[in-house]
Amino acid sequence: MNSLENLPLYLRAKDVMEILPLKKSKIYELMNDPRAGCIQVTPKIKLWPKERFIAYLDLLDNQSA
């Protein structure tokens, strides 16, 4: 994926792994962060709305700056 605008409306962990060079366990850790804004669909499935994902990346970027 070349651009954040081309992302699906809801991202799965697999989608996030294609964007961020992180292990699956770290992606799940990020998705479990309350600030991330993920949606619990079933006990085992979480989805990350695209807009919340982008906002979360901005939040993390601002914290590291």
PDB file of N, CA and C in Angstrom:
ATOM      1  N   MET A   1       0.851  -1.181   0.000  1.00  0.00           N
ATOM      2  CA  MET A   1       0.000   0.000   0.000  1.00  0.00           C
ATOM      3  C   MET A   1       0.888   1.233   0.000  1.00  0.00           C
ATOM      4  N   ASN A   2       0.592   2.142  -0.880  1.00  0.00           N
ATOM      5  CA  ASN A   2       1.442   3.311  -1.041  1.00  0.00           C
ATOM      6  C   ASN A   2       1.036   4.490  -0.182  1.00  0.00           C
ATOM      7  N   SER A   3      -0.223   4.634   0.117  1.00  0.00           N
ATOM      8  CA  SER A   3      -0.711   5.822   0.778  1.00  0.00           C
ATOM      9  C   SER A   3      -1.739   5.462   1.841  1.00  0.00           C
ATOM     10  N   LEU A   4      -1.770   6.279   2.899  1.00  0.00           N
ATOM     11  CA  LEU A   4      -2.756   6.030   3.947  1.00  0.00           C
ATOM     12  C   LEU A   4      -4.178   6.208   3.436  1.00  0.00           C
ATOM     13  N   GLU A   5      -4.364   7.037   2.426  1.00  0.00           N
ATOM     14  CA  GLU A   5      -5.700   7.244   1.863  1.00  0.00           C
ATOM     15  C   GLU A   5      -6.226   5.994   1.166  1.00  0.00           C
ATOM     16  N   ASN A   6      -5.326   5.117   0.734  1.00  0.00           N
ATOM     17  CA  ASN A   6      -5.728   3.902   0.031  1.00  0.00           C
ATOM     18  C   ASN A   6      -6.050   2.741   0.970  1.00  0.00           C
ATOM     19  N   LEU A   7      -5.993   2.982   2.259  1.00  0.00           N
ATOM     20  CA  LEU A   7      -6.280   1.924   3.229  1.00  0.00           C
ATOM     21  C   LEU A   7      -7.762   1.578   3.230  1.00  0.00           C
ATOM     22  N   PRO A   8      -8.085   0.336   3.634  1.00  0.00           N
ATOM     23  CA  PRO A   8      -9.502   0.005   3.805  1.00  0.00           C
ATOM     24  C   PRO A   8     -10.092   0.818   4.960  1.00  0.00           C
ATOM     25  N   LEU A   9     -11.404   0.934   5.008  1.00  0.00           N
ATOM     26  CA  LEU A   9     -12.048   1.707   6.079  1.00  0.00           C
ATOM     27  C   LEU A   9     -11.772   1.123   7.459  1.00  0.00           C
ATOM     28  N   TYR A  10     -11.649  -0.189   7.530  1.00  0.00           N
ATOM     29  CA  TYR A  10     -11.356  -0.876   8.793  1.00  0.00           C
ATOM     30  C   TYR A  10     -10.170  -1.798   8.577  1.00  0.00           C
ATOM     31  N   LEU A  11      -9.155  -1.659   9.429  1.00  0.00           N
ATOM     32  CA  LEU A  11      -7.941  -2.449   9.280  1.00  0.00           C
ATOM     33  C   LEU A  11      -7.920  -3.609  10.271  1.00  0.00           C
ATOM     34  N   ARG A  12      -7.456  -4.730   9.781  1.00  0.00           N
ATOM     35  CA  ARG A  12      -7.192  -5.882  10.635  1.00  0.00           C
ATOM     36  C   ARG A  12      -5.717  -5.849  11.007  1.00  0.00           C
ATOM     37  N   ALA A  13      -5.302  -6.677  11.925  1.00  0.00           N
ATOM     38  CA  ALA A  13      -3.896  -6.739  12.320  1.00  0.00           C
ATOM     39  C   ALA A  13      -3.022  -7.014  11.098  1.00  0.00           C
ATOM     40  N   LYS A  14      -3.488  -7.879  10.219  1.00  0.00           N
ATOM     41  CA  LYS A  14      -2.750  -8.210   9.001  1.00  0.00           C
ATOM     42  C   LYS A  14      -2.506  -6.974   8.137  1.00  0.00           C
ATOM     43  N   ASP A  15      -3.506  -6.101   8.040  1.00  0.00           N
ATOM     44  CA  ASP A  15      -3.368  -4.875   7.269  1.00  0.00           C
ATOM     45  C   ASP A  15      -2.322  -3.950   7.887  1.00  0.00           C
ATOM     46  N   VAL A  16      -2.358  -3.848   9.212  1.00  0.00           N
ATOM     47  CA  VAL A  16      -1.415  -2.977   9.916  1.00  0.00           C
ATOM     48  C   VAL A  16       0.012  -3.496   9.752  1.00  0.00           C
ATOM     49  N   MET A  17       0.173  -4.820   9.726  1.00  0.00           N
ATOM     50  CA  MET A  17       1.501  -5.412   9.544  1.00  0.00           C
ATOM     51  C   MET A  17       2.092  -5.063   8.183  1.00  0.00           C
ATOM     52  N   GLU A  18       1.252  -4.806   7.193  1.00  0.00           N
ATOM     53  CA  GLU A  18       1.739  -4.416   5.875  1.00  0.00           C
ATOM     54  C   GLU A  18       2.228  -2.968   5.863  1.00  0.00           C
ATOM     55  N   ILE A  19       1.793  -2.183   6.847  1.00  0.00           N
ATOM     56  CA  ILE A  19       2.140  -0.767   6.915  1.00  0.00           C
ATOM     57  C   ILE A  19       3.300  -0.516   7.868  1.00  0.00           C
ATOM     58  N   LEU A  20       3.211  -1.127   9.037  1.00  0.00           N
ATOM     59  CA  LEU A  20       4.236  -0.929  10.061  1.00  0.00           C
ATOM     60  C   LEU A  20       5.154  -2.146  10.120  1.00  0.00           C
ATOM     61  N   PRO A  21       6.453  -1.939  10.182  1.00  0.00           N
ATOM     62  CA  PRO A  21       7.391  -3.068  10.230  1.00  0.00           C
ATOM     63  C   PRO A  21       7.513  -3.629  11.650  1.00  0.00           C
ATOM     64  N   LEU A  22       6.415  -4.176  12.146  1.00  0.00           N
ATOM     65  CA  LEU A  22       6.372  -4.709  13.511  1.00  0.00           C
ATOM     66  C   LEU A  22       5.897  -6.153  13.497  1.00  0.00           C
ATOM     67  N   LYS A  23       6.262  -6.874  14.564  1.00  0.00           N
ATOM     68  CA  LYS A  23       5.779  -8.249  14.715  1.00  0.00           C
ATOM     69  C   LYS A  23       4.297  -8.234  15.065  1.00  0.00           C
ATOM     70  N   LYS A  24       3.649  -9.354  14.803  1.00  0.00           N
ATOM     71  CA  LYS A  24       2.214  -9.475  15.076  1.00  0.00           C
ATOM     72  C   LYS A  24       1.895  -9.199  16.542  1.00  0.00           C
ATOM     73  N   SER A  25       2.738  -9.664  17.450  1.00  0.00           N
ATOM     74  CA  SER A  25       2.478  -9.449  18.880  1.00  0.00           C
ATOM     75  C   SER A  25       2.485  -7.962  19.226  1.00  0.00           C
ATOM     76  N   LYS A  26       3.366  -7.181  18.609  1.00  0.00           N
ATOM     77  CA  LYS A  26       3.420  -5.740  18.857  1.00  0.00           C
ATOM     78  C   LYS A  26       2.197  -5.047  18.271  1.00  0.00           C
ATOM     79  N   ILE A  27       1.741  -5.509  17.110  1.00  0.00           N
ATOM     80  CA  ILE A  27       0.531  -4.942  16.503  1.00  0.00           C
ATOM     81  C   ILE A  27      -0.663  -5.159  17.432  1.00  0.00           C
ATOM     82  N   TYR A  28      -0.782  -6.370  17.979  1.00  0.00           N
ATOM     83  CA  TYR A  28      -1.891  -6.639  18.909  1.00  0.00           C
ATOM     84  C   TYR A  28      -1.765  -5.788  20.166  1.00  0.00           C
ATOM     85  N   GLU A  29      -0.552  -5.556  20.621  1.00  0.00           N
ATOM     86  CA  GLU A  29      -0.341  -4.687  21.782  1.00  0.00           C
ATOM     87  C   GLU A  29      -0.832  -3.270  21.468  1.00  0.00           C
ATOM     88  N   LEU A  30      -0.495  -2.767  20.291  1.00  0.00           N
ATOM     89  CA  LEU A  30      -0.965  -1.441  19.891  1.00  0.00           C
ATOM     90  C   LEU A  30      -2.486  -1.401  19.790  1.00  0.00           C
ATOM     91  N   MET A  31      -3.070  -2.439  19.221  1.00  0.00           N
ATOM     92  CA  MET A  31      -4.520  -2.475  19.051  1.00  0.00           C
ATOM     93  C   MET A  31      -5.253  -2.574  20.383  1.00  0.00           C
ATOM     94  N   ASN A  32      -4.591  -3.064  21.405  1.00  0.00           N
ATOM     95  CA  ASN A  32      -5.199  -3.158  22.733  1.00  0.00           C
ATOM     96  C   ASN A  32      -5.029  -1.882  23.548  1.00  0.00           C
ATOM     97  N   ASP A  33      -4.243  -0.942  23.056  1.00  0.00           N
ATOM     98  CA  ASP A  33      -4.074   0.339  23.732  1.00  0.00           C
ATOM     99  C   ASP A  33      -5.401   1.094  23.653  1.00  0.00           C
ATOM    100  N   PRO A  34      -5.957   1.512  24.802  1.00  0.00           N
ATOM    101  CA  PRO A  34      -7.240   2.224  24.778  1.00  0.00           C
ATOM    102  C   PRO A  34      -7.231   3.487  23.919  1.00  0.00           C
ATOM    103  N   ARG A  35      -6.070   4.112  23.770  1.00  0.00           N
ATOM    104  CA  ARG A  35      -5.972   5.330  22.953  1.00  0.00           C
ATOM    105  C   ARG A  35      -6.088   5.034  21.465  1.00  0.00           C
ATOM    106  N   ALA A  36      -5.935   3.770  21.083  1.00  0.00           N
ATOM    107  CA  ALA A  36      -5.948   3.400  19.667  1.00  0.00           C
ATOM    108  C   ALA A  36      -7.336   3.519  19.052  1.00  0.00           C
ATOM    109  N   GLY A  37      -8.373   3.293  19.827  1.00  0.00           N
ATOM    110  CA  GLY A  37      -9.730   3.425  19.306  1.00  0.00           C
ATOM    111  C   GLY A  37     -10.204   2.259  18.459  1.00  0.00           C
ATOM    112  N   CYS A  38      -9.666   1.073  18.714  1.00  0.00           N
ATOM    113  CA  CYS A  38     -10.100  -0.110  17.957  1.00  0.00           C
ATOM    114  C   CYS A  38     -11.489  -0.545  18.398  1.00  0.00           C
ATOM    115  N   ILE A  39     -12.156  -1.237  17.505  1.00  0.00           N
ATOM    116  CA  ILE A  39     -13.510  -1.732  17.766  1.00  0.00           C
ATOM    117  C   ILE A  39     -13.442  -3.237  17.983  1.00  0.00           C
ATOM    118  N   GLN A  40     -13.992  -3.696  19.101  1.00  0.00           N
ATOM    119  CA  GLN A  40     -14.053  -5.125  19.398  1.00  0.00           C
ATOM    120  C   GLN A  40     -15.286  -5.696  18.698  1.00  0.00           C
ATOM    121  N   VAL A  41     -15.070  -6.501  17.666  1.00  0.00           N
ATOM    122  CA  VAL A  41     -16.163  -7.060  16.889  1.00  0.00           C
ATOM    123  C   VAL A  41     -16.664  -8.352  17.528  1.00  0.00           C
ATOM    124  N   THR A  42     -15.724  -9.219  17.859  1.00  0.00           N
ATOM    125  CA  THR A  42     -16.012 -10.450  18.596  1.00  0.00           C
ATOM    126  C   THR A  42     -14.918 -10.565  19.663  1.00  0.00           C
ATOM    127  N   PRO A  43     -15.003 -11.545  20.557  1.00  0.00           N
ATOM    128  CA  PRO A  43     -13.938 -11.666  21.559  1.00  0.00           C
ATOM    129  C   PRO A  43     -12.533 -11.806  20.956  1.00  0.00           C
ATOM    130  N   LYS A  44     -12.439 -12.305  19.743  1.00  0.00           N
ATOM    131  CA  LYS A  44     -11.127 -12.510  19.126  1.00  0.00           C
ATOM    132  C   LYS A  44     -10.805 -11.552  17.992  1.00  0.00           C
ATOM    133  N   ILE A  45     -11.761 -10.752  17.567  1.00  0.00           N
ATOM    134  CA  ILE A  45     -11.542  -9.898  16.398  1.00  0.00           C
ATOM    135  C   ILE A  45     -11.679  -8.423  16.780  1.00  0.00           C
ATOM    136  N   LYS A  46     -10.625  -7.660  16.452  1.00  0.00           N
ATOM    137  CA  LYS A  46     -10.652  -6.215  16.598  1.00  0.00           C
ATOM    138  C   LYS A  46     -10.388  -5.597  15.236  1.00  0.00           C
ATOM    139  N   LEU A  47     -11.070  -4.499  14.987  1.00  0.00           N
ATOM    140  CA  LEU A  47     -10.847  -3.738  13.767  1.00  0.00           C
ATOM    141  C   LEU A  47     -10.432  -2.326  14.151  1.00  0.00           C
ATOM    142  N   TRP A  48      -9.565  -1.757  13.321  1.00  0.00           N
ATOM    143  CA  TRP A  48      -9.066  -0.416  13.571  1.00  0.00           C
ATOM    144  C   TRP A  48      -9.614   0.501  12.485  1.00  0.00           C
ATOM    145  N   PRO A  49     -10.557   1.379  12.819  1.00  0.00           N
ATOM    146  CA  PRO A  49     -11.050   2.312  11.806  1.00  0.00           C
ATOM    147  C   PRO A  49      -9.890   3.138  11.242  1.00  0.00           C
ATOM    148  N   LYS A  50      -9.900   3.333   9.946  1.00  0.00           N
ATOM    149  CA  LYS A  50      -8.789   4.006   9.262  1.00  0.00           C
ATOM    150  C   LYS A  50      -8.482   5.368   9.889  1.00  0.00           C
ATOM    151  N   GLU A  51      -9.497   6.167  10.140  1.00  0.00           N
ATOM    152  CA  GLU A  51      -9.278   7.507  10.683  1.00  0.00           C
ATOM    153  C   GLU A  51      -8.649   7.444  12.074  1.00  0.00           C
ATOM    154  N   ARG A  52      -9.072   6.491  12.884  1.00  0.00           N
ATOM    155  CA  ARG A  52      -8.487   6.349  14.226  1.00  0.00           C
ATOM    156  C   ARG A  52      -7.053   5.835  14.147  1.00  0.00           C
ATOM    157  N   PHE A  53      -6.791   4.970  13.171  1.00  0.00           N
ATOM    158  CA  PHE A  53      -5.429   4.465  12.969  1.00  0.00           C
ATOM    159  C   PHE A  53      -4.489   5.610  12.605  1.00  0.00           C
ATOM    160  N   ILE A  54      -4.907   6.452  11.682  1.00  0.00           N
ATOM    161  CA  ILE A  54      -4.081   7.586  11.274  1.00  0.00           C
ATOM    162  C   ILE A  54      -3.875   8.544  12.448  1.00  0.00           C
ATOM    163  N   ALA A  55      -4.934   8.794  13.208  1.00  0.00           N
ATOM    164  CA  ALA A  55      -4.821   9.677  14.378  1.00  0.00           C
ATOM    165  C   ALA A  55      -3.870   9.081  15.416  1.00  0.00           C
ATOM    166  N   TYR A  56      -3.922   7.773  15.590  1.00  0.00           N
ATOM    167  CA  TYR A  56      -3.040   7.104  16.555  1.00  0.00           C
ATOM    168  C   TYR A  56      -1.588   7.201  16.104  1.00  0.00           C
ATOM    169  N   LEU A  57      -1.329   7.043  14.823  1.00  0.00           N
ATOM    170  CA  LEU A  57       0.033   7.213  14.312  1.00  0.00           C
ATOM    171  C   LEU A  57       0.533   8.629  14.571  1.00  0.00           C
ATOM    172  N   ASP A  58      -0.334   9.611  14.376  1.00  0.00           N
ATOM    173  CA  ASP A  58       0.037  10.998  14.666  1.00  0.00           C
ATOM    174  C   ASP A  58       0.339  11.184  16.148  1.00  0.00           C
ATOM    175  N   LEU A  59      -0.468  10.576  17.001  1.00  0.00           N
ATOM    176  CA  LEU A  59      -0.260  10.655  18.450  1.00  0.00           C
ATOM    177  C   LEU A  59       1.113  10.082  18.819  1.00  0.00           C
ATOM    178  N   LEU A  60       1.430   8.915  18.297  1.00  0.00           N
ATOM    179  CA  LEU A  60       2.709   8.290  18.595  1.00  0.00           C
ATOM    180  C   LEU A  60       3.861   9.119  18.041  1.00  0.00           C
ATOM    181  N   ASP A  61       3.671   9.676  16.859  1.00  0.00           N
ATOM    182  CA  ASP A  61       4.709  10.505  16.253  1.00  0.00           C
ATOM    183  C   ASP A  61       4.969  11.752  17.094  1.00  0.00           C
ATOM    184  N   ASN A  62       3.915  12.377  17.597  1.00  0.00           N
ATOM    185  CA  ASN A  62       4.060  13.584  18.418  1.00  0.00           C
ATOM    186  C   ASN A  62       4.719  13.281  19.755  1.00  0.00           C
ATOM    187  N   GLN A  63       4.474  12.081  20.293  1.00  0.00           N
ATOM    188  CA  GLN A  63       5.087  11.701  21.569  1.00  0.00           C
ATOM    189  C   GLN A  63       6.575  11.459  21.411  1.00  0.00           C
ATOM    190  N   SER A  64       6.998  10.956  20.255  1.00  0.00           N
ATOM    191  CA  SER A  64       8.415  10.643  20.041  1.00  0.00           C
ATOM    192  C   SER A  64       9.210  11.885  19.642  1.00  0.00           C
ATOM    193  N   ALA A  65       8.524  12.946  19.243  1.00  0.00           N
ATOM    194  CA  ALA A  65       9.232  14.164  18.805  1.00  0.00           C
ATOM    195  C   ALA A  65       9.688  15.005  19.972  1.00  0.00           C
TER     196      ALA A  65
END
